[in-house]
Amino acid sequence: MHPLVALVKKAVEQFVRKGQVISSDEELSRQMSERAGVFVCLKKDGQLRGCIGTIEPLTGCVTEEAVRNAIASATEDPRFLPVEEHELPGLEYTVDVLCPPEKITSLSGLDPSRYGVIVRKGNRKGLLLPCIEGVDTVQEQLRIAKAKAGIDPGDADIEISRFEVKRFK
């Protein structure tokens, strides 16, 4: 298990069991001192159990961002009830550190197995990570990202950015 994944696992377990927010690991924070958006996804029995993240960083470094988003994934994802203590042994964790997004002008620049996508229209914004099981086409990736943003599926007047991730399991 990568040290960043071990850190988010510890953060979730400490918060669920004791309501305490751990400090990010000092040595790991030095190694991962850059600022970046981070998504933390939790799975249970192979099914999504929570996923929360930030496109732009809100904290001082990747490890702080990961701890913050790990706790949010376990307790604030509106699609799920908060994680309970009895679920902790069965959880799997994935941490995606986002590379800076780049705007694209052609859909040929997208590949759902390599790039995540961000769609924007006005103040609405939707993001979908790369390599999502069952999302094999650019059209499906855009449809889901638009739905997350509340953008009409047929609306072509949107800004599209792509990004890569460093994925840790």
N, C-alpha and C. Protein backbone atom coordinates (compact mmCIF):
# COMPACT_ATOMS: atom_id res chain seq x y z
N MET A 1 0.85 -1.19 0.00
CA MET A 1 0.00 0.00 0.00
C MET A 1 0.89 1.25 0.00
N HIS A 2 0.61 2.17 -0.91
CA HIS A 2 1.38 3.40 -0.99
C HIS A 2 1.20 4.21 0.30
N PRO A 3 2.24 4.91 0.77
CA PRO A 3 2.13 5.69 2.01
C PRO A 3 0.98 6.72 2.00
N LEU A 4 0.65 7.30 0.85
CA LEU A 4 -0.46 8.25 0.79
C LEU A 4 -1.79 7.54 1.02
N VAL A 5 -1.93 6.34 0.51
CA VAL A 5 -3.14 5.55 0.72
C VAL A 5 -3.23 5.11 2.19
N ALA A 6 -2.10 4.73 2.76
CA ALA A 6 -2.08 4.37 4.19
C ALA A 6 -2.50 5.57 5.05
N LEU A 7 -2.08 6.76 4.65
CA LEU A 7 -2.46 7.97 5.38
C LEU A 7 -3.96 8.22 5.32
N VAL A 8 -4.57 8.09 4.14
CA VAL A 8 -6.01 8.36 4.05
C VAL A 8 -6.81 7.28 4.77
N LYS A 9 -6.32 6.05 4.74
CA LYS A 9 -6.98 4.96 5.49
C LYS A 9 -6.97 5.29 6.99
N LYS A 10 -5.81 5.69 7.48
CA LYS A 10 -5.68 6.06 8.89
C LYS A 10 -6.59 7.24 9.23
N ALA A 11 -6.67 8.23 8.32
CA ALA A 11 -7.51 9.41 8.56
C ALA A 11 -8.97 9.03 8.68
N VAL A 12 -9.44 8.17 7.77
CA VAL A 12 -10.85 7.75 7.81
C VAL A 12 -11.12 6.95 9.08
N GLU A 13 -10.25 6.02 9.39
CA GLU A 13 -10.47 5.18 10.57
C GLU A 13 -10.48 6.01 11.85
N GLN A 14 -9.56 6.94 11.98
CA GLN A 14 -9.49 7.77 13.19
C GLN A 14 -10.74 8.66 13.30
N PHE A 15 -11.19 9.19 12.17
CA PHE A 15 -12.35 10.07 12.21
C PHE A 15 -13.63 9.28 12.50
N VAL A 16 -13.80 8.14 11.86
CA VAL A 16 -15.02 7.35 12.06
C VAL A 16 -15.06 6.79 13.48
N ARG A 17 -13.93 6.33 13.99
CA ARG A 17 -13.90 5.73 15.33
C ARG A 17 -13.95 6.76 16.46
N LYS A 18 -13.21 7.88 16.29
CA LYS A 18 -13.04 8.81 17.41
C LYS A 18 -13.44 10.25 17.11
N GLY A 19 -13.84 10.53 15.87
CA GLY A 19 -14.19 11.90 15.52
C GLY A 19 -13.01 12.85 15.48
N GLN A 20 -11.80 12.29 15.35
CA GLN A 20 -10.58 13.11 15.36
C GLN A 20 -9.97 13.21 13.97
N VAL A 21 -9.48 14.39 13.64
CA VAL A 21 -8.78 14.62 12.39
C VAL A 21 -7.29 14.48 12.66
N ILE A 22 -6.65 13.56 11.94
CA ILE A 22 -5.22 13.36 12.14
C ILE A 22 -4.42 14.45 11.43
N SER A 23 -3.19 14.63 11.86
CA SER A 23 -2.27 15.52 11.15
C SER A 23 -1.69 14.74 9.98
N SER A 24 -1.38 15.44 8.90
CA SER A 24 -0.76 14.73 7.79
C SER A 24 0.67 14.36 8.20
N ASP A 25 1.15 13.26 7.67
CA ASP A 25 2.47 12.75 7.98
C ASP A 25 3.54 13.75 7.54
N GLU A 26 4.39 14.18 8.48
CA GLU A 26 5.38 15.23 8.20
C GLU A 26 6.37 14.82 7.11
N GLU A 27 6.91 13.61 7.20
CA GLU A 27 7.88 13.14 6.20
C GLU A 27 7.21 13.02 4.83
N LEU A 28 6.03 12.43 4.79
CA LEU A 28 5.31 12.28 3.53
C LEU A 28 4.93 13.64 2.96
N SER A 29 4.58 14.58 3.83
CA SER A 29 4.25 15.93 3.38
C SER A 29 5.44 16.61 2.72
N ARG A 30 6.64 16.34 3.21
CA ARG A 30 7.84 16.90 2.58
C ARG A 30 8.03 16.30 1.19
N GLN A 31 7.77 15.00 1.06
CA GLN A 31 7.92 14.32 -0.23
C GLN A 31 6.85 14.76 -1.22
N MET A 32 5.67 15.06 -0.73
CA MET A 32 4.54 15.43 -1.59
C MET A 32 4.11 16.86 -1.25
N SER A 33 5.04 17.77 -1.37
CA SER A 33 4.81 19.14 -0.91
C SER A 33 4.06 20.01 -1.92
N GLU A 34 3.88 19.49 -3.15
CA GLU A 34 3.17 20.31 -4.13
C GLU A 34 1.71 20.49 -3.73
N ARG A 35 1.10 21.49 -4.30
CA ARG A 35 -0.33 21.73 -4.10
C ARG A 35 -1.04 21.21 -5.35
N ALA A 36 -2.10 20.46 -5.15
CA ALA A 36 -2.85 19.90 -6.28
C ALA A 36 -4.24 19.51 -5.80
N GLY A 37 -5.15 19.42 -6.74
CA GLY A 37 -6.45 18.84 -6.44
C GLY A 37 -6.27 17.36 -6.18
N VAL A 38 -7.09 16.83 -5.28
CA VAL A 38 -6.99 15.42 -4.90
C VAL A 38 -8.40 14.85 -4.75
N PHE A 39 -8.62 13.66 -5.30
CA PHE A 39 -9.86 12.93 -5.10
C PHE A 39 -9.54 11.66 -4.32
N VAL A 40 -10.38 11.36 -3.35
CA VAL A 40 -10.26 10.12 -2.59
C VAL A 40 -11.55 9.34 -2.79
N CYS A 41 -11.40 8.10 -3.27
CA CYS A 41 -12.55 7.23 -3.49
C CYS A 41 -12.46 6.03 -2.57
N LEU A 42 -13.61 5.67 -2.01
CA LEU A 42 -13.73 4.50 -1.15
C LEU A 42 -14.61 3.48 -1.86
N LYS A 43 -14.20 2.24 -1.80
CA LYS A 43 -15.02 1.16 -2.35
C LYS A 43 -15.22 0.10 -1.27
N LYS A 44 -16.37 -0.54 -1.35
CA LYS A 44 -16.69 -1.64 -0.45
C LYS A 44 -17.26 -2.76 -1.32
N ASP A 45 -16.66 -3.94 -1.24
CA ASP A 45 -17.07 -5.06 -2.08
C ASP A 45 -17.08 -4.69 -3.56
N GLY A 46 -16.09 -3.90 -3.98
CA GLY A 46 -15.97 -3.51 -5.37
C GLY A 46 -16.92 -2.41 -5.83
N GLN A 47 -17.78 -1.93 -4.94
CA GLN A 47 -18.76 -0.90 -5.28
C GLN A 47 -18.37 0.43 -4.64
N LEU A 48 -18.61 1.51 -5.36
CA LEU A 48 -18.31 2.83 -4.82
C LEU A 48 -19.03 3.04 -3.50
N ARG A 49 -18.30 3.57 -2.52
CA ARG A 49 -18.87 3.83 -1.18
C ARG A 49 -18.77 5.31 -0.81
N GLY A 50 -17.94 6.04 -1.57
CA GLY A 50 -17.79 7.47 -1.36
C GLY A 50 -16.67 7.99 -2.23
N CYS A 51 -16.83 9.20 -2.74
CA CYS A 51 -15.77 9.81 -3.54
C CYS A 51 -15.96 11.31 -3.51
N ILE A 52 -14.98 12.00 -2.95
CA ILE A 52 -15.01 13.46 -2.84
C ILE A 52 -13.62 13.96 -3.20
N GLY A 53 -13.58 15.11 -3.84
CA GLY A 53 -12.29 15.67 -4.17
C GLY A 53 -12.38 17.14 -4.51
N THR A 54 -11.23 17.68 -4.81
CA THR A 54 -11.10 19.08 -5.16
C THR A 54 -10.37 19.19 -6.49
N ILE A 55 -10.88 20.07 -7.34
CA ILE A 55 -10.22 20.33 -8.62
C ILE A 55 -9.01 21.22 -8.38
N GLU A 56 -9.22 22.25 -7.59
CA GLU A 56 -8.14 23.16 -7.20
C GLU A 56 -7.82 22.91 -5.73
N PRO A 57 -6.57 22.98 -5.34
CA PRO A 57 -6.21 22.70 -3.94
C PRO A 57 -6.77 23.75 -2.99
N LEU A 58 -7.19 23.28 -1.83
CA LEU A 58 -7.69 24.16 -0.77
C LEU A 58 -6.77 24.20 0.43
N THR A 59 -5.75 23.33 0.44
CA THR A 59 -4.84 23.24 1.57
C THR A 59 -3.40 23.48 1.10
N GLY A 60 -2.46 23.31 2.02
CA GLY A 60 -1.06 23.63 1.73
C GLY A 60 -0.29 22.61 0.92
N CYS A 61 -0.73 21.33 0.93
CA CYS A 61 0.00 20.31 0.18
C CYS A 61 -0.89 19.11 -0.08
N VAL A 62 -0.40 18.20 -0.90
CA VAL A 62 -1.17 17.03 -1.32
C VAL A 62 -1.62 16.19 -0.12
N THR A 63 -0.76 15.99 0.87
CA THR A 63 -1.16 15.13 1.99
C THR A 63 -2.29 15.75 2.81
N GLU A 64 -2.24 17.07 3.02
CA GLU A 64 -3.34 17.73 3.74
C GLU A 64 -4.63 17.64 2.94
N GLU A 65 -4.53 17.82 1.63
CA GLU A 65 -5.69 17.73 0.74
C GLU A 65 -6.28 16.32 0.80
N ALA A 66 -5.40 15.32 0.81
CA ALA A 66 -5.84 13.92 0.84
C ALA A 66 -6.56 13.59 2.15
N VAL A 67 -6.02 14.03 3.27
CA VAL A 67 -6.66 13.78 4.57
C VAL A 67 -8.04 14.42 4.60
N ARG A 68 -8.11 15.68 4.19
CA ARG A 68 -9.38 16.42 4.18
C ARG A 68 -10.42 15.71 3.32
N ASN A 69 -10.02 15.30 2.11
CA ASN A 69 -10.97 14.69 1.18
C ASN A 69 -11.30 13.25 1.54
N ALA A 70 -10.40 12.56 2.22
CA ALA A 70 -10.68 11.21 2.69
C ALA A 70 -11.83 11.23 3.71
N ILE A 71 -11.74 12.14 4.66
CA ILE A 71 -12.79 12.26 5.67
C ILE A 71 -14.11 12.67 5.01
N ALA A 72 -14.05 13.59 4.06
CA ALA A 72 -15.26 14.01 3.35
C ALA A 72 -15.86 12.84 2.56
N SER A 73 -15.02 12.02 1.94
CA SER A 73 -15.51 10.86 1.19
C SER A 73 -16.27 9.89 2.09
N ALA A 74 -15.78 9.73 3.30
CA ALA A 74 -16.41 8.80 4.23
C ALA A 74 -17.65 9.37 4.90
N THR A 75 -17.76 10.68 4.96
CA THR A 75 -18.83 11.26 5.79
C THR A 75 -19.74 12.25 5.08
N GLU A 76 -19.34 12.78 3.92
CA GLU A 76 -20.11 13.87 3.31
C GLU A 76 -20.60 13.61 1.89
N ASP A 77 -20.26 12.47 1.29
CA ASP A 77 -20.73 12.21 -0.07
C ASP A 77 -22.25 12.10 -0.02
N PRO A 78 -22.98 12.99 -0.70
CA PRO A 78 -24.44 13.01 -0.59
C PRO A 78 -25.13 11.77 -1.16
N ARG A 79 -24.40 10.95 -1.89
CA ARG A 79 -24.99 9.74 -2.46
C ARG A 79 -25.08 8.59 -1.46
N PHE A 80 -24.37 8.73 -0.33
CA PHE A 80 -24.25 7.63 0.62
C PHE A 80 -24.43 8.12 2.05
N LEU A 81 -24.84 7.21 2.92
CA LEU A 81 -24.81 7.49 4.35
C LEU A 81 -23.35 7.50 4.81
N PRO A 82 -23.05 8.18 5.92
CA PRO A 82 -21.67 8.16 6.41
C PRO A 82 -21.19 6.73 6.71
N VAL A 83 -19.90 6.51 6.49
CA VAL A 83 -19.30 5.21 6.78
C VAL A 83 -19.41 4.93 8.27
N GLU A 84 -19.75 3.69 8.60
CA GLU A 84 -19.84 3.28 10.01
C GLU A 84 -18.63 2.41 10.36
N GLU A 85 -18.34 2.35 11.65
CA GLU A 85 -17.14 1.67 12.11
C GLU A 85 -17.05 0.22 11.64
N HIS A 86 -18.18 -0.49 11.61
CA HIS A 86 -18.14 -1.90 11.21
C HIS A 86 -17.75 -2.09 9.74
N GLU A 87 -17.83 -1.02 8.93
CA GLU A 87 -17.47 -1.10 7.51
C GLU A 87 -15.97 -0.93 7.26
N LEU A 88 -15.25 -0.37 8.21
CA LEU A 88 -13.85 0.00 8.00
C LEU A 88 -12.96 -1.13 7.48
N PRO A 89 -13.05 -2.36 8.03
CA PRO A 89 -12.16 -3.42 7.53
C PRO A 89 -12.36 -3.76 6.06
N GLY A 90 -13.54 -3.51 5.52
CA GLY A 90 -13.83 -3.87 4.14
C GLY A 90 -13.62 -2.78 3.12
N LEU A 91 -13.13 -1.63 3.54
CA LEU A 91 -12.96 -0.52 2.61
C LEU A 91 -11.66 -0.61 1.83
N GLU A 92 -11.73 -0.22 0.56
CA GLU A 92 -10.55 -0.07 -0.30
C GLU A 92 -10.45 1.41 -0.64
N TYR A 93 -9.24 1.90 -0.76
CA TYR A 93 -9.00 3.33 -0.95
C TYR A 93 -8.21 3.58 -2.24
N THR A 94 -8.58 4.63 -2.94
CA THR A 94 -7.83 5.11 -4.10
C THR A 94 -7.66 6.61 -3.95
N VAL A 95 -6.45 7.09 -4.20
CA VAL A 95 -6.16 8.52 -4.14
C VAL A 95 -5.69 8.95 -5.52
N ASP A 96 -6.37 9.94 -6.10
CA ASP A 96 -5.98 10.50 -7.39
C ASP A 96 -5.50 11.93 -7.17
N VAL A 97 -4.24 12.18 -7.53
CA VAL A 97 -3.67 13.53 -7.47
C VAL A 97 -3.76 14.09 -8.89
N LEU A 98 -4.48 15.20 -9.03
CA LEU A 98 -4.73 15.76 -10.34
C LEU A 98 -3.55 16.56 -10.86
N CYS A 99 -3.21 16.32 -12.12
CA CYS A 99 -2.25 17.16 -12.83
C CYS A 99 -3.02 18.40 -13.30
N PRO A 100 -2.33 19.50 -13.59
CA PRO A 100 -3.05 20.70 -14.01
C PRO A 100 -3.90 20.46 -15.25
N PRO A 101 -5.15 20.92 -15.25
CA PRO A 101 -6.02 20.73 -16.41
C PRO A 101 -5.57 21.59 -17.59
N GLU A 102 -5.87 21.11 -18.79
CA GLU A 102 -5.60 21.88 -20.00
C GLU A 102 -6.86 21.91 -20.85
N LYS A 103 -7.20 23.10 -21.35
CA LYS A 103 -8.38 23.26 -22.19
C LYS A 103 -8.15 22.55 -23.52
N ILE A 104 -9.23 21.99 -24.05
CA ILE A 104 -9.14 21.36 -25.37
C ILE A 104 -10.17 22.00 -26.28
N THR A 105 -9.90 21.94 -27.57
CA THR A 105 -10.82 22.52 -28.55
C THR A 105 -11.44 21.45 -29.43
N SER A 106 -10.95 20.21 -29.32
CA SER A 106 -11.49 19.12 -30.13
C SER A 106 -11.65 17.88 -29.26
N LEU A 107 -12.75 17.17 -29.47
CA LEU A 107 -12.98 15.94 -28.70
C LEU A 107 -11.94 14.88 -29.01
N SER A 108 -11.21 15.02 -30.10
CA SER A 108 -10.15 14.06 -30.42
C SER A 108 -9.02 14.09 -29.37
N GLY A 109 -8.99 15.15 -28.57
CA GLY A 109 -7.99 15.26 -27.51
C GLY A 109 -8.38 14.54 -26.23
N LEU A 110 -9.53 13.87 -26.24
CA LEU A 110 -9.98 13.14 -25.05
C LEU A 110 -9.79 11.64 -25.22
N ASP A 111 -9.56 10.98 -24.11
CA ASP A 111 -9.46 9.52 -24.05
C ASP A 111 -9.81 9.13 -22.62
N PRO A 112 -11.00 8.56 -22.39
CA PRO A 112 -11.43 8.28 -21.01
C PRO A 112 -10.55 7.30 -20.25
N SER A 113 -9.71 6.56 -20.94
CA SER A 113 -8.81 5.66 -20.24
C SER A 113 -7.54 6.37 -19.78
N ARG A 114 -7.28 7.54 -20.34
CA ARG A 114 -6.07 8.30 -19.98
C ARG A 114 -6.38 9.61 -19.26
N TYR A 115 -7.41 10.32 -19.73
CA TYR A 115 -7.70 11.66 -19.22
C TYR A 115 -9.02 11.71 -18.48
N GLY A 116 -9.03 12.47 -17.40
CA GLY A 116 -10.28 12.89 -16.79
C GLY A 116 -10.77 14.10 -17.55
N VAL A 117 -12.00 14.50 -17.29
CA VAL A 117 -12.58 15.61 -18.01
C VAL A 117 -13.29 16.56 -17.05
N ILE A 118 -13.20 17.85 -17.36
CA ILE A 118 -13.92 18.88 -16.63
C ILE A 118 -14.75 19.63 -17.66
N VAL A 119 -16.05 19.75 -17.41
CA VAL A 119 -16.91 20.55 -18.29
C VAL A 119 -17.39 21.76 -17.50
N ARG A 120 -17.47 22.91 -18.21
CA ARG A 120 -17.90 24.16 -17.57
C ARG A 120 -18.87 24.88 -18.48
N LYS A 121 -19.89 25.45 -17.87
CA LYS A 121 -20.79 26.37 -18.56
C LYS A 121 -21.23 27.37 -17.51
N GLY A 122 -20.83 28.63 -17.69
CA GLY A 122 -21.12 29.64 -16.68
C GLY A 122 -20.49 29.24 -15.36
N ASN A 123 -21.30 29.19 -14.31
CA ASN A 123 -20.77 28.81 -13.00
C ASN A 123 -20.97 27.31 -12.71
N ARG A 124 -21.43 26.57 -13.67
CA ARG A 124 -21.62 25.12 -13.49
C ARG A 124 -20.37 24.38 -13.94
N LYS A 125 -20.00 23.38 -13.15
CA LYS A 125 -18.76 22.64 -13.42
C LYS A 125 -18.96 21.19 -13.01
N GLY A 126 -18.53 20.27 -13.87
CA GLY A 126 -18.60 18.85 -13.56
C GLY A 126 -17.29 18.18 -13.93
N LEU A 127 -16.89 17.19 -13.14
CA LEU A 127 -15.63 16.49 -13.34
C LEU A 127 -15.87 14.99 -13.32
N LEU A 128 -15.15 14.28 -14.17
CA LEU A 128 -15.15 12.82 -14.13
C LEU A 128 -13.70 12.36 -14.24
N LEU A 129 -13.29 11.52 -13.32
CA LEU A 129 -11.93 10.98 -13.30
C LEU A 129 -11.71 10.03 -14.48
N PRO A 130 -10.46 9.78 -14.85
CA PRO A 130 -10.19 8.81 -15.91
C PRO A 130 -10.30 7.37 -15.40
N CYS A 131 -10.35 6.45 -16.33
CA CYS A 131 -10.34 5.01 -16.02
C CYS A 131 -11.48 4.60 -15.09
N ILE A 132 -12.68 5.09 -15.38
CA ILE A 132 -13.85 4.70 -14.61
C ILE A 132 -14.46 3.47 -15.27
N GLU A 133 -14.68 2.41 -14.48
CA GLU A 133 -15.24 1.19 -15.02
C GLU A 133 -16.59 1.47 -15.68
N GLY A 134 -16.75 0.99 -16.90
CA GLY A 134 -18.00 1.17 -17.63
C GLY A 134 -18.06 2.44 -18.45
N VAL A 135 -17.06 3.31 -18.32
CA VAL A 135 -17.02 4.54 -19.12
C VAL A 135 -15.92 4.36 -20.16
N ASP A 136 -16.34 3.94 -21.36
CA ASP A 136 -15.38 3.57 -22.38
C ASP A 136 -15.32 4.54 -23.55
N THR A 137 -16.26 5.48 -23.63
CA THR A 137 -16.27 6.40 -24.76
C THR A 137 -16.22 7.85 -24.27
N VAL A 138 -15.74 8.71 -25.14
CA VAL A 138 -15.69 10.14 -24.84
C VAL A 138 -17.12 10.66 -24.63
N GLN A 139 -18.06 10.19 -25.44
CA GLN A 139 -19.45 10.65 -25.33
C GLN A 139 -20.04 10.30 -23.96
N GLU A 140 -19.76 9.11 -23.48
CA GLU A 140 -20.26 8.69 -22.16
C GLU A 140 -19.60 9.52 -21.05
N GLN A 141 -18.32 9.74 -21.18
CA GLN A 141 -17.59 10.54 -20.20
C GLN A 141 -18.16 11.96 -20.13
N LEU A 142 -18.40 12.57 -21.28
CA LEU A 142 -18.97 13.93 -21.31
C LEU A 142 -20.40 13.94 -20.78
N ARG A 143 -21.19 12.92 -21.12
CA ARG A 143 -22.57 12.86 -20.65
C ARG A 143 -22.62 12.86 -19.12
N ILE A 144 -21.78 12.05 -18.51
CA ILE A 144 -21.77 11.94 -17.05
C ILE A 144 -21.27 13.24 -16.42
N ALA A 145 -20.19 13.81 -16.97
CA ALA A 145 -19.65 15.07 -16.43
C ALA A 145 -20.69 16.19 -16.55
N LYS A 146 -21.40 16.26 -17.68
CA LYS A 146 -22.45 17.27 -17.85
C LYS A 146 -23.57 17.06 -16.83
N ALA A 147 -23.97 15.81 -16.62
CA ALA A 147 -25.03 15.52 -15.64
C ALA A 147 -24.61 15.97 -14.25
N LYS A 148 -23.36 15.73 -13.89
CA LYS A 148 -22.86 16.16 -12.58
C LYS A 148 -22.94 17.68 -12.43
N ALA A 149 -22.73 18.38 -13.55
CA ALA A 149 -22.74 19.85 -13.52
C ALA A 149 -24.14 20.43 -13.68
N GLY A 150 -25.12 19.59 -14.01
CA GLY A 150 -26.46 20.10 -14.27
C GLY A 150 -26.56 20.79 -15.62
N ILE A 151 -25.72 20.37 -16.55
CA ILE A 151 -25.72 20.93 -17.90
C ILE A 151 -26.53 19.99 -18.80
N ASP A 152 -27.36 20.56 -19.65
CA ASP A 152 -28.18 19.78 -20.57
C ASP A 152 -27.28 18.86 -21.41
N PRO A 153 -27.64 17.57 -21.54
CA PRO A 153 -26.78 16.63 -22.28
C PRO A 153 -26.53 17.03 -23.73
N GLY A 154 -27.46 17.73 -24.34
CA GLY A 154 -27.30 18.13 -25.74
C GLY A 154 -26.57 19.44 -25.93
N ASP A 155 -26.22 20.11 -24.84
CA ASP A 155 -25.56 21.42 -24.93
C ASP A 155 -24.12 21.26 -25.39
N ALA A 156 -23.80 21.80 -26.56
CA ALA A 156 -22.44 21.71 -27.08
C ALA A 156 -21.63 22.97 -26.78
N ASP A 157 -22.28 23.99 -26.24
CA ASP A 157 -21.62 25.26 -25.95
C ASP A 157 -21.02 25.22 -24.54
N ILE A 158 -20.01 24.39 -24.38
CA ILE A 158 -19.36 24.22 -23.07
C ILE A 158 -17.85 24.32 -23.24
N GLU A 159 -17.20 24.63 -22.15
CA GLU A 159 -15.74 24.60 -22.11
C GLU A 159 -15.32 23.23 -21.58
N ILE A 160 -14.35 22.62 -22.25
CA ILE A 160 -13.90 21.28 -21.85
C ILE A 160 -12.40 21.33 -21.57
N SER A 161 -12.02 20.77 -20.43
CA SER A 161 -10.61 20.61 -20.09
C SER A 161 -10.35 19.14 -19.80
N ARG A 162 -9.14 18.73 -20.02
CA ARG A 162 -8.74 17.37 -19.69
C ARG A 162 -7.60 17.43 -18.68
N PHE A 163 -7.42 16.33 -17.96
CA PHE A 163 -6.33 16.26 -16.99
C PHE A 163 -5.93 14.80 -16.82
N GLU A 164 -4.69 14.61 -16.42
CA GLU A 164 -4.22 13.28 -16.04
C GLU A 164 -4.16 13.22 -14.53
N VAL A 165 -4.06 12.01 -14.00
CA VAL A 165 -3.93 11.84 -12.55
C VAL A 165 -2.75 10.94 -12.25
N LYS A 166 -2.24 11.12 -11.04
CA LYS A 166 -1.32 10.14 -10.46
C LYS A 166 -2.19 9.34 -9.50
N ARG A 167 -2.42 8.08 -9.81
CA ARG A 167 -3.33 7.25 -9.02
C ARG A 167 -2.54 6.37 -8.07
N PHE A 168 -2.96 6.39 -6.81
CA PHE A 168 -2.32 5.59 -5.78
C PHE A 168 -3.36 4.65 -5.17
N LYS A 169 -2.97 3.38 -5.03
CA LYS A 169 -3.88 2.37 -4.44
C LYS A 169 -3.21 1.72 -3.25
